Amino acid sequence: MKKCYDLRTSLTPFIPEKALDEVVIFLQKYPIHLGLMAPRSRVFGDYRAPQKIGEFHKITVNGDLNTYAFLITFLHEYAHLLVFVNDGPRAQAHGNEWKTYFRRLLQQFIHLEIFPDDICLALQNYMKKVPASTASDPQLMRVLERYNVRKRSENEMTVEQLPPKARFKYNDDLFEKGERLRKNFTCVRLSDGAKFRFNPVAKVTYHTAELPFL
């Protein structure tokens, strides 16, 4: 019982209180190492399957996520674990098996009334297609953003919030905001003119310093 209590206590800052008991059960069902990671710009979480007998399943989640985003990311990665355990290592990473498990996990926690109404609605829309990344659904990302406790820096904003042709930093590179094509913005990296597609809710740093003419 002490082990269960310690695990529950360790998870308390990261998981919604109503979800703690269920998540503890999930973590105790399989040998899992759950790790907290520093913020990663391209991924919120990761799953690594055991490479040999006796090794743990490894799940990592970015430690800066709010509790609802943390739970959704954990369930995303736990669905990968279920695919590996039940369908084997050759199953497609974000194929139909993964989508089925992830939908079931999300529905389980929606029925437990874990999420606020606005997140529930966004998740219901998200589950219609279940893209490979939560960040691929801008509406869900916007709703989750409302529950962030960490204050943004003055110049931190999403790409869609930037004015036209604004310059911004992302992963230490400097970009200029371009036009929106369907869902994403096409932006130019100023160092070499290469074009990149940016999710509208990708977080970047608005670059306000005076720059030499390029």
N, C-alpha and C. Protein backbone atom coordinates (compact mmCIF):
# COMPACT_ATOMS: atom_id res chain seq x y z
N MET A 1 0.83 -1.20 0.00
CA MET A 1 0.00 0.00 0.00
C MET A 1 0.87 1.26 0.00
N LYS A 2 2.02 1.20 0.67
CA LYS A 2 2.89 2.37 0.73
C LYS A 2 3.37 2.75 -0.68
N LYS A 3 3.69 1.72 -1.49
CA LYS A 3 4.16 1.98 -2.83
C LYS A 3 3.08 2.71 -3.63
N CYS A 4 1.84 2.25 -3.52
CA CYS A 4 0.72 2.88 -4.22
C CYS A 4 0.54 4.32 -3.75
N TYR A 5 0.63 4.52 -2.43
CA TYR A 5 0.46 5.87 -1.87
C TYR A 5 1.54 6.80 -2.38
N ASP A 6 2.79 6.33 -2.41
CA ASP A 6 3.89 7.17 -2.87
C ASP A 6 3.72 7.53 -4.35
N LEU A 7 3.28 6.57 -5.15
CA LEU A 7 3.07 6.82 -6.57
C LEU A 7 1.97 7.84 -6.76
N ARG A 8 0.90 7.72 -6.03
CA ARG A 8 -0.22 8.66 -6.14
C ARG A 8 0.23 10.07 -5.73
N THR A 9 1.00 10.14 -4.66
CA THR A 9 1.49 11.43 -4.19
C THR A 9 2.42 12.08 -5.22
N SER A 10 3.27 11.27 -5.84
CA SER A 10 4.21 11.81 -6.83
C SER A 10 3.49 12.35 -8.06
N LEU A 11 2.35 11.75 -8.39
CA LEU A 11 1.61 12.16 -9.58
C LEU A 11 0.70 13.36 -9.33
N THR A 12 0.42 13.66 -8.07
CA THR A 12 -0.57 14.69 -7.73
C THR A 12 -0.36 16.03 -8.43
N PRO A 13 0.87 16.55 -8.56
CA PRO A 13 1.03 17.85 -9.23
C PRO A 13 0.76 17.82 -10.73
N PHE A 14 0.70 16.62 -11.33
CA PHE A 14 0.67 16.53 -12.78
C PHE A 14 -0.64 15.99 -13.36
N ILE A 15 -1.43 15.31 -12.54
CA ILE A 15 -2.64 14.64 -13.01
C ILE A 15 -3.86 15.24 -12.30
N PRO A 16 -4.99 15.44 -13.00
CA PRO A 16 -6.20 15.89 -12.30
C PRO A 16 -6.55 14.92 -11.17
N GLU A 17 -6.98 15.46 -10.04
CA GLU A 17 -7.20 14.63 -8.85
C GLU A 17 -8.14 13.46 -9.10
N LYS A 18 -9.22 13.69 -9.86
CA LYS A 18 -10.19 12.62 -10.12
C LYS A 18 -9.61 11.49 -10.96
N ALA A 19 -8.50 11.74 -11.65
CA ALA A 19 -7.91 10.74 -12.52
C ALA A 19 -6.79 9.95 -11.86
N LEU A 20 -6.37 10.36 -10.68
CA LEU A 20 -5.17 9.77 -10.06
C LEU A 20 -5.29 8.27 -9.85
N ASP A 21 -6.38 7.82 -9.28
CA ASP A 21 -6.52 6.39 -8.97
C ASP A 21 -6.44 5.53 -10.24
N GLU A 22 -7.09 5.98 -11.32
CA GLU A 22 -7.07 5.23 -12.56
C GLU A 22 -5.66 5.18 -13.15
N VAL A 23 -4.96 6.30 -13.12
CA VAL A 23 -3.61 6.34 -13.68
C VAL A 23 -2.67 5.46 -12.87
N VAL A 24 -2.82 5.45 -11.55
CA VAL A 24 -2.01 4.57 -10.71
C VAL A 24 -2.23 3.11 -11.09
N ILE A 25 -3.48 2.73 -11.32
CA ILE A 25 -3.79 1.36 -11.74
C ILE A 25 -3.10 1.03 -13.06
N PHE A 26 -3.16 1.98 -14.01
CA PHE A 26 -2.49 1.76 -15.29
C PHE A 26 -1.00 1.53 -15.11
N LEU A 27 -0.37 2.33 -14.26
CA LEU A 27 1.07 2.25 -14.08
C LEU A 27 1.49 0.98 -13.35
N GLN A 28 0.59 0.44 -12.56
CA GLN A 28 0.91 -0.78 -11.81
C GLN A 28 0.62 -2.05 -12.61
N LYS A 29 -0.15 -1.92 -13.69
CA LYS A 29 -0.52 -3.11 -14.48
C LYS A 29 0.67 -3.65 -15.26
N TYR A 30 1.55 -2.76 -15.72
CA TYR A 30 2.72 -3.16 -16.49
C TYR A 30 3.97 -2.53 -15.87
N PRO A 31 5.14 -3.13 -16.12
CA PRO A 31 6.38 -2.50 -15.63
C PRO A 31 6.71 -1.26 -16.45
N ILE A 32 6.41 -0.08 -15.90
CA ILE A 32 6.54 1.17 -16.65
C ILE A 32 7.45 2.13 -15.89
N HIS A 33 8.34 2.75 -16.64
CA HIS A 33 9.09 3.89 -16.11
C HIS A 33 8.49 5.15 -16.71
N LEU A 34 7.90 6.00 -15.85
CA LEU A 34 7.31 7.25 -16.29
C LEU A 34 8.26 8.39 -15.96
N GLY A 35 8.72 9.08 -16.98
CA GLY A 35 9.69 10.15 -16.78
C GLY A 35 9.15 11.51 -17.16
N LEU A 36 9.57 12.53 -16.41
CA LEU A 36 9.23 13.92 -16.73
C LEU A 36 10.37 14.53 -17.53
N MET A 37 10.00 15.25 -18.59
CA MET A 37 11.00 15.84 -19.46
C MET A 37 10.90 17.36 -19.46
N ALA A 38 12.02 18.01 -19.72
CA ALA A 38 12.00 19.45 -19.95
C ALA A 38 11.18 19.72 -21.20
N PRO A 39 10.62 20.93 -21.32
CA PRO A 39 9.77 21.22 -22.49
C PRO A 39 10.46 20.88 -23.80
N ARG A 40 9.74 20.16 -24.65
CA ARG A 40 10.22 19.84 -26.00
C ARG A 40 9.30 20.52 -27.00
N SER A 41 9.87 21.17 -27.98
CA SER A 41 9.06 21.97 -28.89
C SER A 41 8.26 21.13 -29.88
N ARG A 42 8.75 19.96 -30.21
CA ARG A 42 8.10 19.17 -31.26
C ARG A 42 7.23 18.04 -30.73
N VAL A 43 7.46 17.59 -29.52
CA VAL A 43 6.66 16.50 -28.96
C VAL A 43 6.28 16.82 -27.52
N PHE A 44 5.13 16.31 -27.09
CA PHE A 44 4.69 16.45 -25.71
C PHE A 44 5.00 15.20 -24.89
N GLY A 45 5.13 14.06 -25.59
CA GLY A 45 5.40 12.81 -24.90
C GLY A 45 6.06 11.82 -25.83
N ASP A 46 6.45 10.65 -25.27
CA ASP A 46 7.14 9.65 -26.06
C ASP A 46 6.96 8.29 -25.40
N TYR A 47 6.89 7.24 -26.22
CA TYR A 47 6.83 5.87 -25.71
C TYR A 47 7.95 5.05 -26.32
N ARG A 48 8.65 4.32 -25.48
CA ARG A 48 9.69 3.39 -25.93
C ARG A 48 9.38 1.99 -25.39
N ALA A 49 9.27 1.04 -26.31
CA ALA A 49 8.96 -0.34 -25.92
C ALA A 49 10.21 -1.02 -25.38
N PRO A 50 10.04 -2.04 -24.52
CA PRO A 50 11.20 -2.80 -24.04
C PRO A 50 11.93 -3.45 -25.20
N GLN A 51 13.24 -3.43 -25.14
CA GLN A 51 14.04 -4.03 -26.20
C GLN A 51 14.42 -5.48 -25.89
N LYS A 52 14.30 -5.86 -24.62
CA LYS A 52 14.58 -7.24 -24.25
C LYS A 52 13.81 -7.59 -23.00
N ILE A 53 13.72 -8.87 -22.69
CA ILE A 53 12.96 -9.36 -21.53
C ILE A 53 13.51 -8.74 -20.25
N GLY A 54 12.62 -8.27 -19.42
CA GLY A 54 13.01 -7.69 -18.14
C GLY A 54 13.10 -6.18 -18.15
N GLU A 55 13.13 -5.58 -19.33
CA GLU A 55 13.17 -4.13 -19.41
C GLU A 55 11.78 -3.53 -19.20
N PHE A 56 11.75 -2.27 -18.79
CA PHE A 56 10.51 -1.55 -18.56
C PHE A 56 10.01 -0.89 -19.85
N HIS A 57 8.70 -0.72 -19.94
CA HIS A 57 8.15 0.21 -20.90
C HIS A 57 8.54 1.62 -20.43
N LYS A 58 8.84 2.51 -21.36
CA LYS A 58 9.25 3.86 -20.98
C LYS A 58 8.30 4.88 -21.60
N ILE A 59 7.71 5.68 -20.75
CA ILE A 59 6.84 6.77 -21.18
C ILE A 59 7.40 8.07 -20.62
N THR A 60 7.56 9.06 -21.47
CA THR A 60 7.97 10.38 -21.00
C THR A 60 6.90 11.40 -21.38
N VAL A 61 6.73 12.39 -20.51
CA VAL A 61 5.77 13.47 -20.75
C VAL A 61 6.44 14.78 -20.35
N ASN A 62 6.22 15.82 -21.13
CA ASN A 62 6.78 17.13 -20.79
C ASN A 62 6.22 17.62 -19.46
N GLY A 63 7.09 18.01 -18.57
CA GLY A 63 6.69 18.38 -17.22
C GLY A 63 6.03 19.75 -17.11
N ASP A 64 6.04 20.54 -18.19
CA ASP A 64 5.46 21.88 -18.12
C ASP A 64 3.99 21.91 -18.54
N LEU A 65 3.42 20.78 -18.91
CA LEU A 65 2.03 20.74 -19.37
C LEU A 65 1.06 20.92 -18.20
N ASN A 66 -0.08 21.55 -18.46
CA ASN A 66 -1.10 21.60 -17.41
C ASN A 66 -1.66 20.20 -17.20
N THR A 67 -2.40 19.99 -16.11
CA THR A 67 -2.79 18.63 -15.71
C THR A 67 -3.64 17.93 -16.77
N TYR A 68 -4.50 18.67 -17.45
CA TYR A 68 -5.35 18.06 -18.48
C TYR A 68 -4.54 17.66 -19.70
N ALA A 69 -3.64 18.54 -20.14
CA ALA A 69 -2.77 18.21 -21.27
C ALA A 69 -1.83 17.06 -20.91
N PHE A 70 -1.35 17.04 -19.67
CA PHE A 70 -0.48 15.96 -19.21
C PHE A 70 -1.21 14.63 -19.28
N LEU A 71 -2.46 14.60 -18.80
CA LEU A 71 -3.24 13.35 -18.80
C LEU A 71 -3.49 12.88 -20.23
N ILE A 72 -3.89 13.78 -21.11
CA ILE A 72 -4.15 13.40 -22.50
C ILE A 72 -2.89 12.85 -23.16
N THR A 73 -1.75 13.50 -22.89
CA THR A 73 -0.48 13.04 -23.45
C THR A 73 -0.11 11.67 -22.90
N PHE A 74 -0.29 11.48 -21.59
CA PHE A 74 -0.01 10.17 -20.99
C PHE A 74 -0.87 9.08 -21.63
N LEU A 75 -2.16 9.35 -21.82
CA LEU A 75 -3.05 8.37 -22.43
C LEU A 75 -2.65 8.08 -23.87
N HIS A 76 -2.20 9.09 -24.58
CA HIS A 76 -1.69 8.91 -25.95
C HIS A 76 -0.54 7.89 -25.94
N GLU A 77 0.41 8.08 -25.03
CA GLU A 77 1.57 7.19 -24.98
C GLU A 77 1.19 5.81 -24.41
N TYR A 78 0.25 5.79 -23.47
CA TYR A 78 -0.19 4.50 -22.91
C TYR A 78 -0.88 3.66 -23.99
N ALA A 79 -1.57 4.33 -24.91
CA ALA A 79 -2.20 3.61 -26.02
C ALA A 79 -1.14 2.92 -26.88
N HIS A 80 0.04 3.56 -27.05
CA HIS A 80 1.14 2.91 -27.76
C HIS A 80 1.58 1.65 -27.02
N LEU A 81 1.64 1.73 -25.69
CA LEU A 81 2.01 0.56 -24.89
C LEU A 81 1.02 -0.58 -25.12
N LEU A 82 -0.27 -0.26 -25.13
CA LEU A 82 -1.30 -1.30 -25.33
C LEU A 82 -1.18 -1.93 -26.71
N VAL A 83 -0.84 -1.13 -27.70
CA VAL A 83 -0.63 -1.68 -29.04
C VAL A 83 0.53 -2.67 -29.02
N PHE A 84 1.64 -2.29 -28.39
CA PHE A 84 2.81 -3.17 -28.33
C PHE A 84 2.48 -4.47 -27.60
N VAL A 85 1.79 -4.36 -26.47
CA VAL A 85 1.49 -5.54 -25.67
C VAL A 85 0.50 -6.47 -26.37
N ASN A 86 -0.51 -5.88 -27.00
CA ASN A 86 -1.61 -6.69 -27.55
C ASN A 86 -1.49 -7.00 -29.03
N ASP A 87 -0.78 -6.16 -29.78
CA ASP A 87 -0.72 -6.34 -31.22
C ASP A 87 0.69 -6.55 -31.75
N GLY A 88 1.69 -6.39 -30.89
CA GLY A 88 3.06 -6.66 -31.30
C GLY A 88 3.77 -5.45 -31.87
N PRO A 89 5.10 -5.55 -32.01
CA PRO A 89 5.92 -4.41 -32.41
C PRO A 89 5.75 -4.00 -33.87
N ARG A 90 5.12 -4.84 -34.68
CA ARG A 90 4.99 -4.51 -36.11
C ARG A 90 3.74 -3.68 -36.41
N ALA A 91 2.89 -3.47 -35.43
CA ALA A 91 1.69 -2.67 -35.65
C ALA A 91 2.08 -1.24 -36.01
N GLN A 92 1.31 -0.60 -36.87
CA GLN A 92 1.60 0.76 -37.30
C GLN A 92 1.54 1.71 -36.12
N ALA A 93 2.49 2.65 -36.06
CA ALA A 93 2.65 3.53 -34.89
C ALA A 93 1.36 4.25 -34.52
N HIS A 94 0.71 4.88 -35.49
CA HIS A 94 -0.54 5.60 -35.23
C HIS A 94 -1.65 5.05 -36.13
N GLY A 95 -1.66 3.72 -36.24
CA GLY A 95 -2.64 3.05 -37.07
C GLY A 95 -3.97 2.85 -36.37
N ASN A 96 -4.79 1.99 -36.96
CA ASN A 96 -6.14 1.77 -36.43
C ASN A 96 -6.14 1.19 -35.02
N GLU A 97 -5.16 0.32 -34.72
CA GLU A 97 -5.10 -0.27 -33.38
C GLU A 97 -4.87 0.83 -32.34
N TRP A 98 -3.89 1.68 -32.63
CA TRP A 98 -3.60 2.77 -31.68
C TRP A 98 -4.80 3.70 -31.53
N LYS A 99 -5.43 4.06 -32.63
CA LYS A 99 -6.60 4.95 -32.57
C LYS A 99 -7.71 4.34 -31.73
N THR A 100 -7.91 3.03 -31.87
CA THR A 100 -8.96 2.36 -31.09
C THR A 100 -8.67 2.42 -29.60
N TYR A 101 -7.43 2.09 -29.21
CA TYR A 101 -7.07 2.12 -27.79
C TYR A 101 -7.16 3.54 -27.23
N PHE A 102 -6.65 4.51 -28.00
CA PHE A 102 -6.64 5.89 -27.51
C PHE A 102 -8.07 6.41 -27.34
N ARG A 103 -8.93 6.12 -28.31
CA ARG A 103 -10.33 6.53 -28.18
C ARG A 103 -10.96 5.94 -26.92
N ARG A 104 -10.72 4.67 -26.68
CA ARG A 104 -11.30 4.00 -25.51
C ARG A 104 -10.81 4.65 -24.22
N LEU A 105 -9.52 4.95 -24.17
CA LEU A 105 -8.96 5.58 -22.96
C LEU A 105 -9.56 6.96 -22.75
N LEU A 106 -9.64 7.76 -23.81
CA LEU A 106 -10.21 9.10 -23.68
C LEU A 106 -11.68 9.03 -23.25
N GLN A 107 -12.44 8.12 -23.85
CA GLN A 107 -13.85 7.98 -23.50
C GLN A 107 -14.01 7.55 -22.04
N GLN A 108 -13.11 6.69 -21.58
CA GLN A 108 -13.17 6.25 -20.17
C GLN A 108 -13.05 7.44 -19.23
N PHE A 109 -12.13 8.35 -19.52
CA PHE A 109 -11.91 9.49 -18.63
C PHE A 109 -12.95 10.58 -18.84
N ILE A 110 -13.50 10.67 -20.03
CA ILE A 110 -14.62 11.59 -20.24
C ILE A 110 -15.82 11.14 -19.42
N HIS A 111 -16.09 9.84 -19.40
CA HIS A 111 -17.23 9.31 -18.63
C HIS A 111 -17.02 9.47 -17.13
N LEU A 112 -15.77 9.52 -16.70
CA LEU A 112 -15.46 9.74 -15.28
C LEU A 112 -15.58 11.21 -14.90
N GLU A 113 -15.93 12.05 -15.86
CA GLU A 113 -16.10 13.49 -15.65
C GLU A 113 -14.80 14.13 -15.12
N ILE A 114 -13.71 13.75 -15.76
CA ILE A 114 -12.40 14.29 -15.41
C ILE A 114 -12.21 15.68 -16.00
N PHE A 115 -12.68 15.86 -17.23
CA PHE A 115 -12.37 17.08 -17.99
C PHE A 115 -13.50 18.10 -17.89
N PRO A 116 -13.16 19.39 -17.92
CA PRO A 116 -14.18 20.44 -18.02
C PRO A 116 -14.95 20.30 -19.33
N ASP A 117 -16.11 20.94 -19.39
CA ASP A 117 -17.00 20.79 -20.55
C ASP A 117 -16.35 21.22 -21.85
N ASP A 118 -15.57 22.31 -21.83
CA ASP A 118 -14.98 22.77 -23.09
C ASP A 118 -13.93 21.79 -23.61
N ILE A 119 -13.17 21.16 -22.71
CA ILE A 119 -12.20 20.16 -23.14
C ILE A 119 -12.93 18.91 -23.64
N CYS A 120 -13.99 18.51 -22.97
CA CYS A 120 -14.78 17.35 -23.41
C CYS A 120 -15.28 17.55 -24.84
N LEU A 121 -15.81 18.74 -25.12
CA LEU A 121 -16.32 19.03 -26.46
C LEU A 121 -15.19 18.97 -27.49
N ALA A 122 -14.05 19.56 -27.16
CA ALA A 122 -12.91 19.53 -28.08
C ALA A 122 -12.41 18.10 -28.29
N LEU A 123 -12.42 17.29 -27.24
CA LEU A 123 -11.99 15.90 -27.36
C LEU A 123 -12.95 15.09 -28.22
N GLN A 124 -14.25 15.37 -28.09
CA GLN A 124 -15.23 14.65 -28.91
C GLN A 124 -14.97 14.91 -30.39
N ASN A 125 -14.64 16.14 -30.74
CA ASN A 125 -14.31 16.47 -32.13
C ASN A 125 -12.97 15.86 -32.54
N TYR A 126 -12.01 15.89 -31.60
CA TYR A 126 -10.68 15.32 -31.86
C TYR A 126 -10.77 13.83 -32.15
N MET A 127 -11.66 13.12 -31.44
CA MET A 127 -11.74 11.67 -31.57
C MET A 127 -12.37 11.21 -32.88
N LYS A 128 -12.94 12.12 -33.64
CA LYS A 128 -13.53 11.73 -34.92
C LYS A 128 -12.46 11.26 -35.90
N LYS A 129 -11.26 11.84 -35.80
CA LYS A 129 -10.16 11.45 -36.68
C LYS A 129 -8.94 10.94 -35.92
N VAL A 130 -8.73 11.44 -34.72
CA VAL A 130 -7.57 11.10 -33.87
C VAL A 130 -6.26 11.25 -34.64
N PRO A 131 -5.81 12.49 -34.89
CA PRO A 131 -4.52 12.68 -35.55
C PRO A 131 -3.37 12.17 -34.68
N ALA A 132 -2.23 11.98 -35.32
CA ALA A 132 -1.09 11.38 -34.62
C ALA A 132 -0.55 12.26 -33.51
N SER A 133 -0.80 13.56 -33.57
CA SER A 133 -0.31 14.49 -32.55
C SER A 133 -1.44 15.37 -32.07
N THR A 134 -1.50 15.60 -30.75
CA THR A 134 -2.50 16.53 -30.21
C THR A 134 -2.35 17.90 -30.81
N ALA A 135 -1.10 18.28 -31.10
CA ALA A 135 -0.84 19.61 -31.67
C ALA A 135 -1.41 19.75 -33.07
N SER A 136 -1.79 18.63 -33.70
CA SER A 136 -2.38 18.69 -35.03
C SER A 136 -3.82 19.18 -35.00
N ASP A 137 -4.39 19.28 -33.82
CA ASP A 137 -5.76 19.78 -33.68
C ASP A 137 -5.71 21.15 -33.00
N PRO A 138 -5.70 22.21 -33.79
CA PRO A 138 -5.58 23.56 -33.20
C PRO A 138 -6.68 23.89 -32.19
N GLN A 139 -7.91 23.42 -32.46
CA GLN A 139 -9.00 23.74 -31.54
C GLN A 139 -8.77 23.14 -30.16
N LEU A 140 -8.33 21.87 -30.12
CA LEU A 140 -8.03 21.24 -28.84
C LEU A 140 -6.88 21.97 -28.15
N MET A 141 -5.87 22.36 -28.90
CA MET A 141 -4.74 23.06 -28.31
C MET A 141 -5.17 24.41 -27.73
N ARG A 142 -6.05 25.12 -28.42
CA ARG A 142 -6.53 26.41 -27.91
C ARG A 142 -7.29 26.23 -26.60
N VAL A 143 -8.11 25.20 -26.53
CA VAL A 143 -8.88 24.96 -25.31
C VAL A 143 -7.96 24.58 -24.16
N LEU A 144 -7.00 23.70 -24.40
CA LEU A 144 -6.06 23.29 -23.35
C LEU A 144 -5.24 24.48 -22.86
N GLU A 145 -4.95 25.40 -23.76
CA GLU A 145 -4.16 26.58 -23.41
C GLU A 145 -4.83 27.40 -22.31
N ARG A 146 -6.15 27.37 -22.24
CA ARG A 146 -6.88 28.15 -21.23
C ARG A 146 -6.52 27.71 -19.81
N TYR A 147 -6.05 26.49 -19.66
CA TYR A 147 -5.81 25.94 -18.32
C TYR A 147 -4.34 25.96 -17.93
N ASN A 148 -3.52 26.64 -18.72
CA ASN A 148 -2.10 26.77 -18.38
C ASN A 148 -1.94 27.72 -17.20
N VAL A 149 -1.17 27.31 -16.23
CA VAL A 149 -0.91 28.13 -15.05
C VAL A 149 0.32 28.99 -15.28
N ARG A 150 1.31 28.45 -16.00
CA ARG A 150 2.56 29.18 -16.23
C ARG A 150 2.29 30.44 -17.04
N LYS A 151 2.83 31.56 -16.57
CA LYS A 151 2.67 32.82 -17.29
C LYS A 151 3.61 32.86 -18.48
N ARG A 152 3.09 33.32 -19.59
CA ARG A 152 3.92 33.49 -20.76
C ARG A 152 4.85 34.68 -20.59
N SER A 153 6.00 34.62 -21.27
CA SER A 153 6.84 35.81 -21.33
C SER A 153 6.15 36.82 -22.24
N GLU A 154 6.58 38.05 -22.17
CA GLU A 154 5.92 39.13 -22.90
C GLU A 154 5.87 38.87 -24.40
N ASN A 155 6.92 38.26 -24.95
CA ASN A 155 7.01 38.07 -26.39
C ASN A 155 6.59 36.68 -26.85
N GLU A 156 6.14 35.82 -25.93
CA GLU A 156 5.73 34.47 -26.32
C GLU A 156 4.29 34.49 -26.79
N MET A 157 4.05 33.93 -27.96
CA MET A 157 2.70 33.86 -28.51
C MET A 157 2.63 32.75 -29.54
N THR A 158 1.44 32.51 -30.06
CA THR A 158 1.29 31.49 -31.10
C THR A 158 1.48 32.15 -32.47
N VAL A 159 1.76 31.33 -33.47
CA VAL A 159 2.01 31.86 -34.81
C VAL A 159 0.80 32.63 -35.32
N GLU A 160 -0.41 32.12 -35.06
CA GLU A 160 -1.60 32.80 -35.57
C GLU A 160 -1.83 34.17 -34.91
N GLN A 161 -1.22 34.38 -33.73
CA GLN A 161 -1.37 35.66 -33.06
C GLN A 161 -0.40 36.72 -33.56
N LEU A 162 0.62 36.32 -34.30
CA LEU A 162 1.61 37.26 -34.82
C LEU A 162 1.01 38.11 -35.95
N PRO A 163 1.44 39.35 -36.06
CA PRO A 163 1.00 40.16 -37.21
C PRO A 163 1.62 39.63 -38.50
N PRO A 164 1.06 40.00 -39.66
CA PRO A 164 1.61 39.54 -40.94
C PRO A 164 3.08 39.91 -41.09
N LYS A 165 3.86 38.99 -41.63
CA LYS A 165 5.29 39.17 -41.90
C LYS A 165 6.12 39.43 -40.64
N ALA A 166 5.55 39.11 -39.48
CA ALA A 166 6.31 39.26 -38.24
C ALA A 166 7.49 38.29 -38.23
N ARG A 167 8.53 38.70 -37.57
CA ARG A 167 9.69 37.82 -37.41
C ARG A 167 9.65 37.21 -36.02
N PHE A 168 10.00 35.94 -35.96
CA PHE A 168 9.92 35.22 -34.68
C PHE A 168 11.02 34.18 -34.58
N LYS A 169 11.32 33.82 -33.34
CA LYS A 169 12.33 32.79 -33.08
C LYS A 169 11.65 31.48 -32.73
N TYR A 170 12.22 30.40 -33.27
CA TYR A 170 11.74 29.04 -32.97
C TYR A 170 12.94 28.11 -33.03
N ASN A 171 13.22 27.43 -31.93
CA ASN A 171 14.39 26.54 -31.86
C ASN A 171 15.67 27.27 -32.27
N ASP A 172 15.81 28.51 -31.79
CA ASP A 172 17.01 29.33 -32.02
C ASP A 172 17.17 29.80 -33.46
N ASP A 173 16.21 29.50 -34.33
CA ASP A 173 16.25 30.02 -35.69
C ASP A 173 15.27 31.18 -35.82
N LEU A 174 15.57 32.09 -36.75
CA LEU A 174 14.72 33.26 -36.96
C LEU A 174 13.89 33.05 -38.23
N PHE A 175 12.59 33.28 -38.11
CA PHE A 175 11.66 33.06 -39.22
C PHE A 175 10.85 34.32 -39.49
N GLU A 176 10.26 34.36 -40.69
CA GLU A 176 9.29 35.40 -41.02
C GLU A 176 7.95 34.72 -41.33
N LYS A 177 6.90 35.23 -40.71
CA LYS A 177 5.57 34.65 -40.90
C LYS A 177 5.08 34.91 -42.31
N GLY A 178 4.58 33.83 -42.94
CA GLY A 178 4.04 33.95 -44.29
C GLY A 178 2.54 33.74 -44.31
N GLU A 179 2.02 33.35 -45.45
CA GLU A 179 0.58 33.19 -45.63
C GLU A 179 0.09 31.87 -45.04
N ARG A 180 -1.19 31.86 -44.72
CA ARG A 180 -1.82 30.63 -44.24
C ARG A 180 -2.35 29.84 -45.43
N LEU A 181 -1.93 28.60 -45.54
CA LEU A 181 -2.40 27.71 -46.59
C LEU A 181 -3.15 26.56 -45.94
N ARG A 182 -4.47 26.55 -46.12
CA ARG A 182 -5.33 25.58 -45.44
C ARG A 182 -5.15 25.71 -43.93
N LYS A 183 -4.56 24.71 -43.27
CA LYS A 183 -4.48 24.74 -41.81
C LYS A 183 -3.25 25.47 -41.30
N ASN A 184 -2.12 25.36 -42.00
CA ASN A 184 -0.84 25.83 -41.47
C ASN A 184 -0.35 27.11 -42.15
N PHE A 185 0.59 27.77 -41.48
CA PHE A 185 1.25 28.94 -42.05
C PHE A 185 2.58 28.51 -42.68
N THR A 186 2.86 29.04 -43.85
CA THR A 186 4.16 28.83 -44.49
C THR A 186 5.08 29.97 -44.09
N CYS A 187 6.17 29.63 -43.39
CA CYS A 187 7.09 30.65 -42.88
C CYS A 187 8.49 30.41 -43.43
N VAL A 188 9.24 31.48 -43.56
CA VAL A 188 10.57 31.41 -44.17
C VAL A 188 11.65 31.54 -43.10
N ARG A 189 12.60 30.61 -43.11
CA ARG A 189 13.76 30.73 -42.23
C ARG A 189 14.73 31.71 -42.85
N LEU A 190 15.04 32.78 -42.13
CA LEU A 190 15.78 33.90 -42.71
C LEU A 190 17.25 33.58 -42.98
N SER A 191 17.79 32.59 -42.32
CA SER A 191 19.21 32.27 -42.53
C SER A 191 19.49 31.68 -43.91
N ASP A 192 18.49 30.98 -44.49
CA ASP A 192 18.75 30.32 -45.77
C ASP A 192 17.56 30.37 -46.74
N GLY A 193 16.45 30.99 -46.33
CA GLY A 193 15.30 31.09 -47.21
C GLY A 193 14.44 29.84 -47.30
N ALA A 194 14.76 28.82 -46.49
CA ALA A 194 13.98 27.59 -46.52
C ALA A 194 12.58 27.84 -45.95
N LYS A 195 11.58 27.17 -46.54
CA LYS A 195 10.20 27.34 -46.10
C LYS A 195 9.75 26.18 -45.21
N PHE A 196 9.03 26.53 -44.16
CA PHE A 196 8.54 25.54 -43.21
C PHE A 196 7.06 25.80 -42.95
N ARG A 197 6.33 24.73 -42.70
CA ARG A 197 4.92 24.85 -42.31
C ARG A 197 4.81 24.88 -40.80
N PHE A 198 4.08 25.84 -40.27
CA PHE A 198 3.89 25.98 -38.83
C PHE A 198 2.42 25.82 -38.47
N ASN A 199 2.19 25.00 -37.45
CA ASN A 199 0.86 24.89 -36.88
C ASN A 199 0.44 26.26 -36.35
N PRO A 200 -0.80 26.68 -36.55
CA PRO A 200 -1.21 28.02 -36.09
C PRO A 200 -1.06 28.24 -34.60
N VAL A 201 -1.10 27.16 -33.79
CA VAL A 201 -0.99 27.32 -32.35
C VAL A 201 0.40 26.96 -31.83
N ALA A 202 1.38 26.83 -32.73
CA ALA A 202 2.76 26.61 -32.30
C ALA A 202 3.25 27.83 -31.52
N LYS A 203 3.90 27.61 -30.38
CA LYS A 203 4.38 28.71 -29.55
C LYS A 203 5.76 29.16 -30.02
N VAL A 204 5.88 30.45 -30.23
CA VAL A 204 7.13 31.03 -30.72
C VAL A 204 7.42 32.31 -29.94
N THR A 205 8.60 32.88 -30.18
CA THR A 205 8.98 34.13 -29.53
C THR A 205 9.00 35.25 -30.57
N TYR A 206 8.12 36.21 -30.36
CA TYR A 206 8.03 37.36 -31.27
C TYR A 206 9.33 38.14 -31.21
N HIS A 207 9.98 38.32 -32.35
CA HIS A 207 11.28 38.99 -32.40
C HIS A 207 11.06 40.46 -32.72
N THR A 208 11.30 41.31 -31.75
CA THR A 208 11.02 42.73 -31.93
C THR A 208 12.27 43.57 -32.13
N ALA A 209 13.45 42.95 -32.06
CA ALA A 209 14.71 43.70 -32.19
C ALA A 209 14.89 44.20 -33.61
N GLU A 210 15.59 45.32 -33.75
CA GLU A 210 15.89 45.84 -35.08
C GLU A 210 16.87 44.92 -35.78
N LEU A 211 16.58 44.59 -37.04
CA LEU A 211 17.42 43.67 -37.79
C LEU A 211 18.00 44.37 -39.02
N PRO A 212 19.18 43.97 -39.46
CA PRO A 212 19.72 44.54 -40.69
C PRO A 212 18.90 44.11 -41.89
N PHE A 213 18.92 44.89 -42.95
CA PHE A 213 18.15 44.57 -44.16
C PHE A 213 18.72 43.29 -44.77
N LEU A 214 17.80 42.36 -45.14
CA LEU A 214 18.24 41.09 -45.73
C LEU A 214 17.81 41.03 -47.19
